[in-house]
Protein backbone atom coordinates (compact mmCIF):
# COMPACT_ATOMS: atom_id res chain seq x y z
CA MET A 1 82.99 48.95 134.54
CA GLU A 2 80.97 46.38 136.98
CA ASN A 3 78.22 44.47 135.90
CA GLY A 4 77.63 46.69 132.46
CA ARG A 5 77.75 49.66 134.72
CA ALA A 6 79.51 52.55 135.27
CA VAL A 7 81.28 52.67 139.01
CA ILE A 8 83.13 55.46 140.81
CA ASP A 9 86.54 55.44 140.46
CA GLU A 10 86.40 57.00 144.30
CA GLU A 11 89.93 58.06 144.09
CA GLN A 12 89.24 60.42 140.79
CA ALA A 13 86.08 61.44 142.41
CA ALA A 14 87.81 62.29 145.38
CA THR A 15 90.00 64.76 142.98
CA VAL A 16 86.76 66.09 141.38
CA ARG A 17 85.14 67.46 144.34
CA ASP A 18 88.30 68.62 146.18
CA PHE A 19 88.54 70.59 142.58
CA PHE A 20 85.13 71.67 142.43
CA GLN A 21 85.75 73.27 146.56
CA ASN A 22 88.63 74.59 145.51
CA TYR A 23 87.27 76.64 142.68
CA ILE A 24 84.35 77.80 144.66
CA SER A 25 86.35 78.67 148.01
CA GLY A 26 88.21 81.55 145.67
CA MET A 27 91.05 79.79 143.76
CA ALA A 28 91.26 80.71 140.68
CA LEU A 29 90.41 77.96 137.85
CA MET A 30 93.93 76.65 137.09
CA PRO A 31 95.28 76.78 140.91
CA ALA A 32 92.66 74.70 141.83
CA ALA A 33 93.21 72.13 139.41
CA GLU A 34 96.96 72.09 140.21
CA LYS A 35 96.23 71.87 143.97
CA VAL A 36 94.63 68.48 143.88
CA GLY A 37 96.80 67.30 140.93
CA LEU A 38 94.99 67.95 137.56
CA ASN A 39 97.90 68.34 134.71
CA LEU A 40 95.16 70.65 132.28
CA TYR A 41 95.18 73.56 130.05
CA HIS A 42 92.96 76.57 131.70
CA GLY A 43 90.13 75.24 128.72
CA SER A 44 89.96 71.85 130.14
CA ALA A 45 89.76 72.66 133.55
CA GLY A 46 86.64 75.06 132.47
CA ARG A 47 85.24 72.28 130.68
CA MET A 48 85.65 70.04 134.03
CA LEU A 49 83.22 72.78 135.59
CA ARG A 50 80.36 72.63 133.11
CA ASN A 51 80.65 68.83 132.76
CA LYS A 52 77.06 67.71 133.26
CA LYS A 53 78.02 64.05 133.70
CA TYR A 54 79.23 64.78 137.01
CA LEU A 55 75.55 64.70 137.94
CA GLY A 56 75.22 61.45 137.14
CA ASP A 57 72.21 60.20 135.04
CA ASP A 58 70.96 56.64 134.00
CA TYR A 59 74.38 55.65 132.94
CA TYR A 60 76.95 57.14 135.36
CA PRO A 61 76.47 57.91 138.81
CA ALA A 62 76.73 61.31 140.64
CA ILE A 63 80.03 62.39 141.53
CA ILE A 64 78.92 66.03 142.47
CA ASP A 65 75.72 67.42 143.87
CA LYS A 66 73.68 69.73 142.44
CA GLU A 67 74.05 72.59 144.59
CA THR A 68 77.91 72.15 144.02
CA PHE A 69 77.46 72.01 140.13
CA ASP A 70 75.44 75.06 140.53
CA LYS A 71 77.74 76.78 143.06
CA ALA A 72 80.68 76.33 140.73
CA GLU A 73 78.53 77.49 137.17
CA GLU A 74 77.22 80.61 139.40
CA ILE A 75 81.14 81.73 140.44
CA ARG A 76 82.35 81.01 136.48
CA MET A 77 79.64 83.11 134.73
CA SER A 78 80.33 85.77 138.04
CA ARG A 79 84.13 86.00 137.16
CA ALA A 80 83.53 85.87 133.00
CA LYS A 81 81.15 88.67 133.39
CA ALA A 82 83.71 90.42 135.75
CA LEU A 83 86.73 90.24 133.08
CA GLY A 84 84.53 91.09 130.52
CA ARG A 85 84.43 87.46 128.96
CA VAL A 86 80.65 87.56 128.53
CA TRP A 87 79.06 89.14 125.03
CA GLU A 88 75.92 90.41 124.86
CA LEU A 89 74.77 89.53 121.07
CA GLU A 90 73.46 93.74 119.66
CA GLY A 91 71.18 94.08 117.04
CA LYS A 92 70.84 90.19 116.65
CA LYS A 93 68.76 89.62 113.80
CA ASP A 94 66.30 87.00 113.25
CA ILE A 95 66.68 84.86 110.14
CA LEU A 96 63.94 83.86 108.29
CA PHE A 97 64.21 80.97 105.96
CA PRO A 98 61.60 80.24 103.50
CA THR A 99 59.01 77.64 104.62
CA ASN A 100 56.78 78.08 101.95
CA PHE A 101 57.31 76.97 98.45
CA THR A 102 55.38 77.49 95.52
CA MET A 103 55.49 75.16 92.07
CA PRO A 104 53.43 74.51 88.88
CA VAL A 105 52.63 71.36 87.34
CA VAL A 106 55.43 69.69 85.94
CA LYS A 107 54.97 68.62 82.79
CA LYS A 108 57.48 65.40 81.55
CA GLY A 109 60.29 66.99 79.76
CA SER A 110 62.56 64.08 79.82
CA ASP A 111 63.27 60.48 79.81
CA ASP A 112 66.24 60.99 81.92
CA PRO A 113 64.82 61.03 85.55
CA PHE A 114 67.82 62.73 86.75
CA GLU A 115 66.85 65.77 84.07
CA GLN A 116 62.93 65.74 84.62
CA ALA A 117 64.49 66.05 88.40
CA ALA A 118 66.42 69.01 87.78
CA HIS A 119 63.97 70.49 85.36
CA ALA A 120 60.87 70.09 88.46
CA TYR A 121 63.28 71.50 91.43
CA SER A 122 63.57 74.73 89.04
CA LEU A 123 60.29 75.15 88.98
CA ILE A 124 60.11 75.50 92.90
CA GLU A 125 59.94 79.39 93.95
CA SER A 126 60.09 80.41 97.37
CA GLU A 127 57.50 82.73 98.66
CA VAL A 128 59.62 84.60 100.92
CA ASP A 129 62.66 87.01 98.94
CA GLY A 130 66.31 87.39 100.04
CA ASP A 131 65.25 90.32 102.64
CA GLY A 132 62.77 88.09 104.42
CA ALA A 133 59.64 89.84 103.29
CA LYS A 134 56.92 87.71 101.54
């Protein structure tokens, strides 16, 4: 942090850039990380490749350019598909949530506001049944 803004630690930024380049050049995820001295779990290394903060934003300065980031993601997805690690949902069913409700006029039944509220809520009926049909 300098003057209230995040600044790049060039040594660590170079490590991140080298990691991306190693991965893009064809190295597997863990060897690419190990070659630059990153001692990570496989999932952590994968999350590094997907971390959009490396592209920079209003707070963080950019470490990786968009072309490099996108290329690494393209390769990552290609490898995942080749290894059968990408699943498509089959027969995905849309879930219909009830958005229309009816409620009769509520007559005062109790001086206790909690009992009155419970009674009023019990009168609410959905216009969509459990199967999603109206």
